[in-house]
C-alpha atoms as a PDB file:
ATOM      1  CA  UNK A   1     -14.276 -14.244  -3.532  1.00  0.00           C
ATOM      2  CA  UNK A   2     -17.984 -14.020  -4.260  1.00  0.00           C
ATOM      3  CA  UNK A   3     -18.499 -11.676  -1.293  1.00  0.00           C
ATOM      4  CA  UNK A   4     -15.561  -9.477  -2.311  1.00  0.00           C
ATOM      5  CA  UNK A   5     -16.805  -9.171  -5.884  1.00  0.00           C
ATOM      6  CA  UNK A   6     -19.985  -7.487  -4.678  1.00  0.00           C
ATOM      7  CA  UNK A   7     -18.424  -4.846  -2.460  1.00  0.00           C
ATOM      8  CA  UNK A   8     -18.877  -1.988  -4.934  1.00  0.00           C
ATOM      9  CA  UNK A   9     -22.599  -2.721  -5.099  1.00  0.00           C
ATOM     10  CA  UNK A  10     -22.800  -2.501  -1.306  1.00  0.00           C
ATOM     11  CA  UNK A  11     -21.043   0.874  -1.384  1.00  0.00           C
ATOM     12  CA  UNK A  12     -23.606   2.113  -3.906  1.00  0.00           C
ATOM     13  CA  UNK A  13     -26.436   0.828  -1.721  1.00  0.00           C
ATOM     14  CA  UNK A  14     -25.005   2.668   1.289  1.00  0.00           C
ATOM     15  CA  UNK A  15     -24.669   5.884  -0.732  1.00  0.00           C
ATOM     16  CA  UNK A  16     -28.346   5.721  -1.666  1.00  0.00           C
ATOM     17  CA  UNK A  17     -29.473   5.212   1.922  1.00  0.00           C
ATOM     18  CA  UNK A  18     -29.380   1.416   1.984  1.00  0.00           C
ATOM     19  CA  UNK A  19     -27.755  -0.973   4.437  1.00  0.00           C
ATOM     20  CA  UNK A  20     -24.595   0.121   6.245  1.00  0.00           C
ATOM     21  CA  UNK A  21     -21.294  -0.957   4.743  1.00  0.00           C
ATOM     22  CA  UNK A  22     -17.957  -1.673   6.470  1.00  0.00           C
ATOM     23  CA  UNK A  23     -15.090  -1.005   4.065  1.00  0.00           C
ATOM     24  CA  UNK A  24     -12.542  -2.118   6.662  1.00  0.00           C
ATOM     25  CA  UNK A  25     -13.941  -5.639   6.399  1.00  0.00           C
ATOM     26  CA  UNK A  26     -13.699  -5.525   2.604  1.00  0.00           C
ATOM     27  CA  UNK A  27     -10.026  -4.554   2.792  1.00  0.00           C
ATOM     28  CA  UNK A  28      -9.356  -7.394   5.227  1.00  0.00           C
ATOM     29  CA  UNK A  29     -10.966  -9.874   2.833  1.00  0.00           C
ATOM     30  CA  UNK A  30      -9.031  -8.392  -0.085  1.00  0.00           C
ATOM     31  CA  UNK A  31      -5.731  -9.197   1.630  1.00  0.00           C
ATOM     32  CA  UNK A  32      -7.035 -12.602   2.747  1.00  0.00           C
ATOM     33  CA  UNK A  33      -7.547 -13.391  -0.931  1.00  0.00           C
ATOM     34  CA  UNK A  34      -4.586 -11.674  -2.553  1.00  0.00           C
ATOM     35  CA  UNK A  35      -1.734 -11.465  -0.047  1.00  0.00           C
ATOM     36  CA  UNK A  36       0.026 -14.743  -0.896  1.00  0.00           C
ATOM     37  CA  UNK A  37      -0.146 -14.048  -4.632  1.00  0.00           C
ATOM     38  CA  UNK A  38       1.112 -10.496  -4.060  1.00  0.00           C
ATOM     39  CA  UNK A  39       4.109 -11.808  -2.103  1.00  0.00           C
ATOM     40  CA  UNK A  40       4.822 -14.365  -4.829  1.00  0.00           C
ATOM     41  CA  UNK A  41       4.753 -11.710  -7.546  1.00  0.00           C
ATOM     42  CA  UNK A  42       6.152  -8.665  -5.741  1.00  0.00           C
ATOM     43  CA  UNK A  43       8.257  -9.836  -2.793  1.00  0.00           C
ATOM     44  CA  UNK A  44       8.024  -9.181   0.939  1.00  0.00           C
ATOM     45  CA  UNK A  45       7.727  -5.393   0.568  1.00  0.00           C
ATOM     46  CA  UNK A  46       4.265  -4.934  -0.917  1.00  0.00           C
ATOM     47  CA  UNK A  47       4.677  -1.411  -2.223  1.00  0.00           C
ATOM     48  CA  UNK A  48       5.772   0.524  -5.278  1.00  0.00           C
ATOM     49  CA  UNK A  49       9.021   2.493  -5.428  1.00  0.00           C
ATOM     50  CA  UNK A  50      10.687   4.970  -7.815  1.00  0.00           C
ATOM     51  CA  UNK A  51      12.587   2.772 -10.256  1.00  0.00           C
ATOM     52  CA  UNK A  52      16.012   3.110 -11.793  1.00  0.00           C
ATOM     53  CA  UNK A  53      17.218   1.191 -14.889  1.00  0.00           C
ATOM     54  CA  UNK A  54      20.407   0.414 -12.967  1.00  0.00           C
ATOM     55  CA  UNK A  55      18.539  -1.448 -10.211  1.00  0.00           C
ATOM     56  CA  UNK A  56      16.272  -4.417  -9.721  1.00  0.00           C
ATOM     57  CA  UNK A  57      12.777  -3.735  -8.396  1.00  0.00           C
ATOM     58  CA  UNK A  58      13.904  -5.121  -5.035  1.00  0.00           C
ATOM     59  CA  UNK A  59      16.907  -2.774  -4.857  1.00  0.00           C
ATOM     60  CA  UNK A  60      14.688   0.191  -5.765  1.00  0.00           C
ATOM     61  CA  UNK A  61      12.361  -0.663  -2.883  1.00  0.00           C
ATOM     62  CA  UNK A  62      15.331  -0.851  -0.496  1.00  0.00           C
ATOM     63  CA  UNK A  63      16.524   2.576  -1.653  1.00  0.00           C
ATOM     64  CA  UNK A  64      13.008   3.963  -1.175  1.00  0.00           C
ATOM     65  CA  UNK A  65      12.743   2.521   2.338  1.00  0.00           C
ATOM     66  CA  UNK A  66      16.094   4.047   3.234  1.00  0.00           C
ATOM     67  CA  UNK A  67      14.818   7.415   2.056  1.00  0.00           C
ATOM     68  CA  UNK A  68      11.880   7.038   4.456  1.00  0.00           C
ATOM     69  CA  UNK A  69      14.199   6.081   7.320  1.00  0.00           C
ATOM     70  CA  UNK A  70      16.288   9.181   6.619  1.00  0.00           C
ATOM     71  CA  UNK A  71      13.260  11.492   6.381  1.00  0.00           C
ATOM     72  CA  UNK A  72      11.889  10.187   9.688  1.00  0.00           C
ATOM     73  CA  UNK A  73      15.253  10.901  11.358  1.00  0.00           C
ATOM     74  CA  UNK A  74      15.114   7.549  13.140  1.00  0.00           C
ATOM     75  CA  UNK A  75      17.581   6.970  15.964  1.00  0.00           C
ATOM     76  CA  UNK A  76      18.369   3.986  18.137  1.00  0.00           C
ATOM     77  CA  UNK A  77      15.957   3.635  21.050  1.00  0.00           C
ATOM     78  CA  UNK A  78      12.975   5.299  19.363  1.00  0.00           C
ATOM     79  CA  UNK A  79       9.553   3.645  19.226  1.00  0.00           C
ATOM     80  CA  UNK A  80       7.812   3.671  15.842  1.00  0.00           C
ATOM     81  CA  UNK A  81       4.317   2.664  14.711  1.00  0.00           C
ATOM     82  CA  UNK A  82       3.895   0.904  11.355  1.00  0.00           C
ATOM     83  CA  UNK A  83       0.330   1.638  10.197  1.00  0.00           C
ATOM     84  CA  UNK A  84      -0.982  -1.271   8.117  1.00  0.00           C
ATOM     85  CA  UNK A  85       2.280  -3.212   8.314  1.00  0.00           C
ATOM     86  CA  UNK A  86       1.422  -5.979   5.825  1.00  0.00           C
ATOM     87  CA  UNK A  87       3.890  -8.846   6.210  1.00  0.00           C
ATOM     88  CA  UNK A  88       6.553  -6.480   7.509  1.00  0.00           C
ATOM     89  CA  UNK A  89       8.978  -6.017   4.611  1.00  0.00           C
ATOM     90  CA  UNK A  90       9.732  -2.331   5.324  1.00  0.00           C
ATOM     91  CA  UNK A  91       9.471  -2.981   9.075  1.00  0.00           C
ATOM     92  CA  UNK A  92      12.435  -5.351   9.027  1.00  0.00           C
ATOM     93  CA  UNK A  93      14.619  -2.733   7.346  1.00  0.00           C
ATOM     94  CA  UNK A  94      13.406  -0.024   9.753  1.00  0.00           C
ATOM     95  CA  UNK A  95      14.349  -2.181  12.757  1.00  0.00           C
ATOM     96  CA  UNK A  96      17.713  -3.311  11.390  1.00  0.00           C
ATOM     97  CA  UNK A  97      18.912   0.016  10.006  1.00  0.00           C
ATOM     98  CA  UNK A  98      17.103   2.430  12.326  1.00  0.00           C
ATOM     99  CA  UNK A  99      17.758   0.514  15.532  1.00  0.00           C
ATOM    100  CA  UNK A 100      14.197   1.246  16.666  1.00  0.00           C
ATOM    101  CA  UNK A 101      11.376  -0.728  18.266  1.00  0.00           C
ATOM    102  CA  UNK A 102       8.273  -1.058  16.061  1.00  0.00           C
ATOM    103  CA  UNK A 103       4.594  -1.760  16.663  1.00  0.00           C
ATOM    104  CA  UNK A 104       2.967  -3.318  13.606  1.00  0.00           C
ATOM    105  CA  UNK A 105      -0.736  -2.481  13.289  1.00  0.00           C
ATOM    106  CA  UNK A 106      -2.821  -4.635  10.967  1.00  0.00           C
ATOM    107  CA  UNK A 107      -6.396  -5.915  10.993  1.00  0.00           C
ATOM    108  CA  UNK A 108      -5.419  -8.925   8.853  1.00  0.00           C
ATOM    109  CA  UNK A 109      -4.265 -11.783  11.076  1.00  0.00           C
ATOM    110  CA  UNK A 110      -2.994 -13.845   8.130  1.00  0.00           C
ATOM    111  CA  UNK A 111      -0.540 -11.097   7.234  1.00  0.00           C
ATOM    112  CA  UNK A 112       0.453 -10.535  10.866  1.00  0.00           C
ATOM    113  CA  UNK A 113       1.189 -14.230  11.362  1.00  0.00           C
ATOM    114  CA  UNK A 114       3.396 -14.134   8.263  1.00  0.00           C
ATOM    115  CA  UNK A 115       5.138 -10.999   9.585  1.00  0.00           C
ATOM    116  CA  UNK A 116       5.812 -12.706  12.927  1.00  0.00           C
ATOM    117  CA  UNK A 117       7.313 -15.725  11.188  1.00  0.00           C
ATOM    118  CA  UNK A 118       9.545 -13.647   8.903  1.00  0.00           C
ATOM    119  CA  UNK A 119      10.609 -11.381  11.770  1.00  0.00           C
ATOM    120  CA  UNK A 120      11.618 -14.437  13.796  1.00  0.00           C
ATOM    121  CA  UNK A 121      13.655 -15.746  10.855  1.00  0.00           C
ATOM    122  CA  UNK A 122      15.329 -12.333  10.565  1.00  0.00           C
ATOM    123  CA  UNK A 123      16.154 -12.354  14.287  1.00  0.00           C
ATOM    124  CA  UNK A 124      14.295  -9.125  15.058  1.00  0.00           C
ATOM    125  CA  UNK A 125      11.147 -10.497  16.714  1.00  0.00           C
ATOM    126  CA  UNK A 126      12.309  -9.147  20.090  1.00  0.00           C
ATOM    127  CA  UNK A 127      12.169  -5.623  18.608  1.00  0.00           C
ATOM    128  CA  UNK A 128       8.601  -5.841  17.272  1.00  0.00           C
ATOM    129  CA  UNK A 129       5.163  -5.828  18.869  1.00  0.00           C
ATOM    130  CA  UNK A 130       1.898  -6.498  17.053  1.00  0.00           C
ATOM    131  CA  UNK A 131      -1.625  -5.168  17.336  1.00  0.00           C
ATOM    132  CA  UNK A 132      -4.590  -6.712  15.517  1.00  0.00           C
ATOM    133  CA  UNK A 133      -6.925  -3.816  14.842  1.00  0.00           C
ATOM    134  CA  UNK A 134      -8.024  -1.341  12.216  1.00  0.00           C
ATOM    135  CA  UNK A 135      -5.965   1.837  12.077  1.00  0.00           C
ATOM    136  CA  UNK A 136      -9.316   3.632  12.050  1.00  0.00           C
ATOM    137  CA  UNK A 137      -9.652   2.725  15.738  1.00  0.00           C
ATOM    138  CA  UNK A 138      -6.423   2.242  17.668  1.00  0.00           C
ATOM    139  CA  UNK A 139      -8.044   2.873  21.052  1.00  0.00           C
ATOM    140  CA  UNK A 140      -5.876   0.104  22.549  1.00  0.00           C
ATOM    141  CA  UNK A 141      -2.930   2.516  22.148  1.00  0.00           C
ATOM    142  CA  UNK A 142      -2.532   5.415  24.554  1.00  0.00           C
ATOM    143  CA  UNK A 143      -2.239   8.916  23.128  1.00  0.00           C
ATOM    144  CA  UNK A 144       1.241  10.390  22.578  1.00  0.00           C
ATOM    145  CA  UNK A 145       2.937   6.961  22.530  1.00  0.00           C
ATOM    146  CA  UNK A 146       5.289   6.924  19.528  1.00  0.00           C
ATOM    147  CA  UNK A 147       8.347   8.889  18.446  1.00  0.00           C
ATOM    148  CA  UNK A 148       7.554   8.444  14.740  1.00  0.00           C
ATOM    149  CA  UNK A 149       5.193   6.636  12.406  1.00  0.00           C
ATOM    150  CA  UNK A 150       4.765   5.583   8.793  1.00  0.00           C
ATOM    151  CA  UNK A 151       1.997   4.279   6.554  1.00  0.00           C
ATOM    152  CA  UNK A 152       3.032   2.764   3.221  1.00  0.00           C
ATOM    153  CA  UNK A 153       0.102   2.241   0.821  1.00  0.00           C
ATOM    154  CA  UNK A 154      -2.246   1.574   3.731  1.00  0.00           C
ATOM    155  CA  UNK A 155      -4.207   4.748   4.485  1.00  0.00           C
ATOM    156  CA  UNK A 156      -5.308   4.793   0.836  1.00  0.00           C
ATOM    157  CA  UNK A 157      -7.758   2.095   2.046  1.00  0.00           C
ATOM    158  CA  UNK A 158      -9.217   4.339   4.754  1.00  0.00           C
ATOM    159  CA  UNK A 159     -12.971   4.900   4.329  1.00  0.00           C
ATOM    160  CA  UNK A 160     -12.482   8.319   5.952  1.00  0.00           C
ATOM    161  CA  UNK A 161      -8.995   9.730   5.452  1.00  0.00           C
ATOM    162  CA  UNK A 162      -9.372  12.620   7.890  1.00  0.00           C
ATOM    163  CA  UNK A 163     -10.456  10.247  10.656  1.00  0.00           C
ATOM    164  CA  UNK A 164      -7.575   7.860   9.867  1.00  0.00           C
ATOM    165  CA  UNK A 165      -5.005  10.656  10.038  1.00  0.00           C
ATOM    166  CA  UNK A 166      -6.597  11.982  13.235  1.00  0.00           C
ATOM    167  CA  UNK A 167      -6.179   8.582  14.887  1.00  0.00           C
ATOM    168  CA  UNK A 168      -2.532   8.401  13.780  1.00  0.00           C
ATOM    169  CA  UNK A 169      -2.033  11.973  15.043  1.00  0.00           C
ATOM    170  CA  UNK A 170      -3.424  10.917  18.430  1.00  0.00           C
ATOM    171  CA  UNK A 171      -0.949   8.064  19.005  1.00  0.00           C
ATOM    172  CA  UNK A 172       2.143  10.072  17.977  1.00  0.00           C
ATOM    173  CA  UNK A 173       4.097  12.162  20.467  1.00  0.00           C
ATOM    174  CA  UNK A 174       4.190  15.941  20.010  1.00  0.00           C
ATOM    175  CA  UNK A 175       6.968  16.759  17.551  1.00  0.00           C
ATOM    176  CA  UNK A 176       6.860  13.272  15.975  1.00  0.00           C
ATOM    177  CA  UNK A 177       7.352  12.864  12.223  1.00  0.00           C
ATOM    178  CA  UNK A 178       4.930  10.864  10.060  1.00  0.00           C
ATOM    179  CA  UNK A 179       5.781   9.507   6.596  1.00  0.00           C
ATOM    180  CA  UNK A 180       3.065   8.310   4.265  1.00  0.00           C
ATOM    181  CA  UNK A 181       2.840   6.838   0.794  1.00  0.00           C
ATOM    182  CA  UNK A 182      -0.579   7.252  -0.825  1.00  0.00           C
ATOM    183  CA  UNK A 183      -2.266   6.111  -4.009  1.00  0.00           C
ATOM    184  CA  UNK A 184      -3.705   9.249  -5.616  1.00  0.00           C
ATOM    185  CA  UNK A 185      -5.316  10.680  -8.706  1.00  0.00           C
ATOM    186  CA  UNK A 186      -3.062  13.368 -10.179  1.00  0.00           C
ATOM    187  CA  UNK A 187      -3.907  16.795 -11.586  1.00  0.00           C
ATOM    188  CA  UNK A 188      -4.110  15.162 -15.036  1.00  0.00           C
ATOM    189  CA  UNK A 189      -7.255  13.272 -14.001  1.00  0.00           C
ATOM    190  CA  UNK A 190     -10.319  14.650 -15.792  1.00  0.00           C
ATOM    191  CA  UNK A 191     -13.542  13.701 -13.958  1.00  0.00           C
ATOM    192  CA  UNK A 192     -15.501  14.439 -17.142  1.00  0.00           C
ATOM    193  CA  UNK A 193     -13.494  11.909 -19.176  1.00  0.00           C
ATOM    194  CA  UNK A 194     -15.237   8.537 -19.420  1.00  0.00           C
ATOM    195  CA  UNK A 195     -11.871   6.884 -20.115  1.00  0.00           C
ATOM    196  CA  UNK A 196     -10.377   8.374 -16.964  1.00  0.00           C
ATOM    197  CA  UNK A 197     -13.450   7.396 -14.973  1.00  0.00           C
ATOM    198  CA  UNK A 198     -13.149   3.802 -16.192  1.00  0.00           C
ATOM    199  CA  UNK A 199      -9.488   3.562 -15.196  1.00  0.00           C
ATOM    200  CA  UNK A 200     -10.254   4.997 -11.743  1.00  0.00           C
ATOM    201  CA  UNK A 201     -13.167   2.576 -11.243  1.00  0.00           C
ATOM    202  CA  UNK A 202     -10.999  -0.382 -12.257  1.00  0.00           C
ATOM    203  CA  UNK A 203      -8.327   0.669  -9.771  1.00  0.00           C
ATOM    204  CA  UNK A 204     -10.869   1.127  -6.986  1.00  0.00           C
ATOM    205  CA  UNK A 205     -12.288  -2.339  -7.652  1.00  0.00           C
ATOM    206  CA  UNK A 206      -8.955  -4.129  -7.989  1.00  0.00           C
ATOM    207  CA  UNK A 207      -7.185  -2.523  -5.009  1.00  0.00           C
ATOM    208  CA  UNK A 208     -10.250  -2.344  -2.725  1.00  0.00           C
ATOM    209  CA  UNK A 209     -10.234   1.458  -2.529  1.00  0.00           C
ATOM    210  CA  UNK A 210     -13.513   3.070  -1.527  1.00  0.00           C
ATOM    211  CA  UNK A 211     -12.286   6.272  -3.159  1.00  0.00           C
ATOM    212  CA  UNK A 212      -9.027   7.594  -4.591  1.00  0.00           C
ATOM    213  CA  UNK A 213      -8.061  10.992  -3.231  1.00  0.00           C
ATOM    214  CA  UNK A 214      -6.146  13.656  -5.093  1.00  0.00           C
ATOM    215  CA  UNK A 215      -2.789  14.758  -3.697  1.00  0.00           C
ATOM    216  CA  UNK A 216      -4.390  18.001  -2.570  1.00  0.00           C
ATOM    217  CA  UNK A 217      -7.113  16.136  -0.702  1.00  0.00           C
ATOM    218  CA  UNK A 218      -4.474  14.080   1.126  1.00  0.00           C
ATOM    219  CA  UNK A 219      -2.714  17.247   2.253  1.00  0.00           C
ATOM    220  CA  UNK A 220      -6.004  18.792   3.333  1.00  0.00           C
ATOM    221  CA  UNK A 221      -6.910  15.696   5.369  1.00  0.00           C
ATOM    222  CA  UNK A 222      -3.508  15.779   7.092  1.00  0.00           C
ATOM    223  CA  UNK A 223      -3.905  19.440   8.001  1.00  0.00           C
ATOM    224  CA  UNK A 224      -7.464  18.921   9.223  1.00  0.00           C
ATOM    225  CA  UNK A 225      -6.165  16.158  11.508  1.00  0.00           C
ATOM    226  CA  UNK A 226      -3.665  18.645  12.952  1.00  0.00           C
ATOM    227  CA  UNK A 227      -0.453  17.746  11.096  1.00  0.00           C
ATOM    228  CA  UNK A 228       1.970  20.257   9.629  1.00  0.00           C
ATOM    229  CA  UNK A 229       2.753  19.066   6.085  1.00  0.00           C
ATOM    230  CA  UNK A 230       6.500  19.460   5.550  1.00  0.00           C
ATOM    231  CA  UNK A 231       6.621  18.075   2.017  1.00  0.00           C
ATOM    232  CA  UNK A 232       4.456  16.211  -0.461  1.00  0.00           C
ATOM    233  CA  UNK A 233       6.062  14.799  -3.608  1.00  0.00           C
ATOM    234  CA  UNK A 234       4.828  12.496  -6.345  1.00  0.00           C
ATOM    235  CA  UNK A 235       7.943  10.335  -6.559  1.00  0.00           C
ATOM    236  CA  UNK A 236       6.468   8.419  -9.473  1.00  0.00           C
ATOM    237  CA  UNK A 237       6.835  11.333 -11.901  1.00  0.00           C
ATOM    238  CA  UNK A 238       9.351  10.715 -14.692  1.00  0.00           C
ATOM    239  CA  UNK A 239      10.307  13.794 -16.696  1.00  0.00           C
ATOM    240  CA  UNK A 240      11.006  13.526 -20.425  1.00  0.00           C
ATOM    241  CA  UNK A 241      14.746  14.004 -19.940  1.00  0.00           C
ATOM    242  CA  UNK A 242      14.859  11.743 -16.868  1.00  0.00           C
ATOM    243  CA  UNK A 243      16.632   8.379 -17.026  1.00  0.00           C
ATOM    244  CA  UNK A 244      14.334   6.846 -14.389  1.00  0.00           C
ATOM    245  CA  UNK A 245      11.978   3.984 -15.197  1.00  0.00           C
ATOM    246  CA  UNK A 246       8.179   4.468 -14.927  1.00  0.00           C
ATOM    247  CA  UNK A 247       6.828   2.848 -11.758  1.00  0.00           C
ATOM    248  CA  UNK A 248       4.396   0.653 -13.749  1.00  0.00           C
ATOM    249  CA  UNK A 249       6.965  -0.706 -16.204  1.00  0.00           C
ATOM    250  CA  UNK A 250       7.640  -4.004 -14.357  1.00  0.00           C
ATOM    251  CA  UNK A 251       4.022  -4.948 -15.135  1.00  0.00           C
ATOM    252  CA  UNK A 252       4.499  -4.371 -18.860  1.00  0.00           C
ATOM    253  CA  UNK A 253       6.036  -6.788 -21.329  1.00  0.00           C
ATOM    254  CA  UNK A 254       9.351  -4.941 -21.384  1.00  0.00           C
ATOM    255  CA  UNK A 255      12.473  -5.194 -19.244  1.00  0.00           C
ATOM    256  CA  UNK A 256      12.614  -1.724 -17.722  1.00  0.00           C
ATOM    257  CA  UNK A 257      14.621  -2.940 -14.742  1.00  0.00           C
ATOM    258  CA  UNK A 258      17.243  -5.571 -14.132  1.00  0.00           C
ATOM    259  CA  UNK A 259      16.124  -8.978 -12.866  1.00  0.00           C
ATOM    260  CA  UNK A 260      12.539  -8.283 -13.879  1.00  0.00           C
ATOM    261  CA  UNK A 261      10.705 -11.592 -13.157  1.00  0.00           C
ATOM    262  CA  UNK A 262       8.522 -12.985 -15.911  1.00  0.00           C
ATOM    263  CA  UNK A 263       5.404 -13.140 -13.748  1.00  0.00           C
ATOM    264  CA  UNK A 264       5.389  -9.334 -13.448  1.00  0.00           C
ATOM    265  CA  UNK A 265       4.805  -8.970 -17.202  1.00  0.00           C
ATOM    266  CA  UNK A 266       1.676  -9.403 -19.318  1.00  0.00           C
ATOM    267  CA  UNK A 267       3.039 -12.621 -20.816  1.00  0.00           C
ATOM    268  CA  UNK A 268       3.801 -13.815 -17.302  1.00  0.00           C
ATOM    269  CA  UNK A 269       0.253 -12.985 -16.219  1.00  0.00           C
ATOM    270  CA  UNK A 270      -1.144 -15.254 -18.946  1.00  0.00           C
ATOM    271  CA  UNK A 271       1.236 -18.097 -18.073  1.00  0.00           C
ATOM    272  CA  UNK A 272       0.491 -17.792 -14.357  1.00  0.00           C
ATOM    273  CA  UNK A 273      -3.255 -17.628 -15.046  1.00  0.00           C
ATOM    274  CA  UNK A 274      -3.076 -20.911 -16.946  1.00  0.00           C
ATOM    275  CA  UNK A 275      -0.847 -22.472 -14.299  1.00  0.00           C
ATOM    276  CA  UNK A 276      -3.166 -21.414 -11.470  1.00  0.00           C
ATOM    277  CA  UNK A 277      -6.099 -23.066 -13.242  1.00  0.00           C
ATOM    278  CA  UNK A 278      -4.160 -26.308 -13.453  1.00  0.00           C
ATOM    279  CA  UNK A 279      -2.988 -26.037  -9.835  1.00  0.00           C
ATOM    280  CA  UNK A 280      -6.567 -25.435  -8.685  1.00  0.00           C
ATOM    281  CA  UNK A 281      -7.779 -28.528 -10.567  1.00  0.00           C
ATOM    282  CA  UNK A 282      -4.981 -30.606  -9.023  1.00  0.00           C
ATOM    283  CA  UNK A 283      -5.756 -29.261  -5.545  1.00  0.00           C
ATOM    284  CA  UNK A 284      -2.412 -27.460  -5.165  1.00  0.00           C
ATOM    285  CA  UNK A 285      -4.150 -24.052  -5.007  1.00  0.00           C
ATOM    286  CA  UNK A 286      -7.384 -23.545  -3.037  1.00  0.00           C
ATOM    287  CA  UNK A 287     -10.678 -23.252  -4.886  1.00  0.00           C
ATOM    288  CA  UNK A 288     -11.218 -19.758  -6.271  1.00  0.00           C
ATOM    289  CA  UNK A 289      -7.509 -19.049  -6.828  1.00  0.00           C
ATOM    290  CA  UNK A 290      -7.936 -18.651 -10.584  1.00  0.00           C
ATOM    291  CA  UNK A 291     -10.533 -15.952 -10.049  1.00  0.00           C
ATOM    292  CA  UNK A 292      -8.178 -14.103  -7.682  1.00  0.00           C
ATOM    293  CA  UNK A 293      -5.364 -14.293 -10.249  1.00  0.00           C
ATOM    294  CA  UNK A 294      -7.744 -12.973 -12.906  1.00  0.00           C
ATOM    295  CA  UNK A 295      -8.636 -10.029 -10.646  1.00  0.00           C
ATOM    296  CA  UNK A 296      -4.957  -9.246 -10.074  1.00  0.00           C
ATOM    297  CA  UNK A 297      -4.213  -9.383 -13.816  1.00  0.00           C
ATOM    298  CA  UNK A 298      -7.099  -6.997 -14.439  1.00  0.00           C
ATOM    299  CA  UNK A 299      -5.764  -4.688 -11.746  1.00  0.00           C
ATOM    300  CA  UNK A 300      -2.271  -4.760 -13.277  1.00  0.00           C
ATOM    301  CA  UNK A 301      -3.787  -3.552 -16.555  1.00  0.00           C
ATOM    302  CA  UNK A 302      -5.513  -0.732 -14.665  1.00  0.00           C
ATOM    303  CA  UNK A 303      -2.200   0.236 -13.029  1.00  0.00           C
ATOM    304  CA  UNK A 304      -0.569   0.384 -16.468  1.00  0.00           C
ATOM    305  CA  UNK A 305      -3.411   2.478 -17.901  1.00  0.00           C
ATOM    306  CA  UNK A 306      -3.292   4.856 -14.930  1.00  0.00           C
ATOM    307  CA  UNK A 307       0.467   5.179 -15.207  1.00  0.00           C
ATOM    308  CA  UNK A 308       0.619   5.664 -18.965  1.00  0.00           C
ATOM    309  CA  UNK A 309      -2.014   8.400 -18.931  1.00  0.00           C
ATOM    310  CA  UNK A 310      -0.408  10.003 -15.871  1.00  0.00           C
ATOM    311  CA  UNK A 311      -3.752  10.272 -14.053  1.00  0.00           C
ATOM    312  CA  UNK A 312      -2.767   7.954 -11.191  1.00  0.00           C
ATOM    313  CA  UNK A 313       0.234   7.515  -8.919  1.00  0.00           C
ATOM    314  CA  UNK A 314       0.943   5.018  -6.112  1.00  0.00           C
ATOM    315  CA  UNK A 315       3.903   7.152  -5.057  1.00  0.00           C
ATOM    316  CA  UNK A 316       2.565  10.333  -3.506  1.00  0.00           C
ATOM    317  CA  UNK A 317       4.930  10.539  -0.538  1.00  0.00           C
ATOM    318  CA  UNK A 318       4.475  13.054   2.238  1.00  0.00           C
ATOM    319  CA  UNK A 319       6.290  13.985   5.416  1.00  0.00           C
ATOM    320  CA  UNK A 320       4.269  15.603   8.184  1.00  0.00           C
ATOM    321  CA  UNK A 321       4.852  16.559  11.799  1.00  0.00           C
ATOM    322  CA  UNK A 322       2.666  16.609  14.888  1.00  0.00           C
ATOM    323  CA  UNK A 323       3.262  20.091  16.330  1.00  0.00           C
ATOM    324  CA  UNK A 324       4.969  20.467  19.676  1.00  0.00           C
END
């Protein structure tokens, strides 16, 4: 945890001509530290989804994954690459409902081991392959290998988004569709506002993001890599007359969705923070767990601030195609 806490200082040193800095390693350590707590608090699918007051958070994520499956036009027998697969929550739905074979790419072996275990329990391990590497360098994969691909809240961690998209472009077959879900600053972000700057900095620290692109910058990076952008939609937007629930509401102390677990709320954060301290003293949690929980609580507050002001979204979803 001590090494992770200093990563922003190392970025600053690199920007001023100091020692080189590997953000990929920082992201790996971030998930080493936080993955188990994220699964405990958010389930097997570690991503946000557009929420409905008629659904639980889990059901909203299922609906969102099914939208992705539909947009990718998946058919039985296709091969699909999951970029930054986490512990494989969306992957299991893609395999079961799309009837496709998936390669999960992840540079975090702890998460991949968990994905393998859960895939075996789900009875789909024969339909999944795994590759331990950074998606910034997938040289182990031949060009033009996959019929489709997706990246859910993973390429937001890329230290160079154009290079990340170019590598994904390389491994997809001509004509293949690519779905992505990015964390972005919206058009409401004012770079001259100190309040907005603070929220962005807190998000970058707490989610291990070297930078947070705007939606326009994401589209530009896709096009530079060679993709044709078919659509790009902020699916986290809730209009005034819309009955949807704001994406950040499960982290607030209000029941915006059904079956909203206590530990997703501010009160729950405080209770879990106290409990983690006790568990660490008793040896149930490893040393440093309380500090990780504190970081995640701080990040949840940054999510809420970004969502309330409308300057940040974790739900910029795009569909792009590699030209024939």
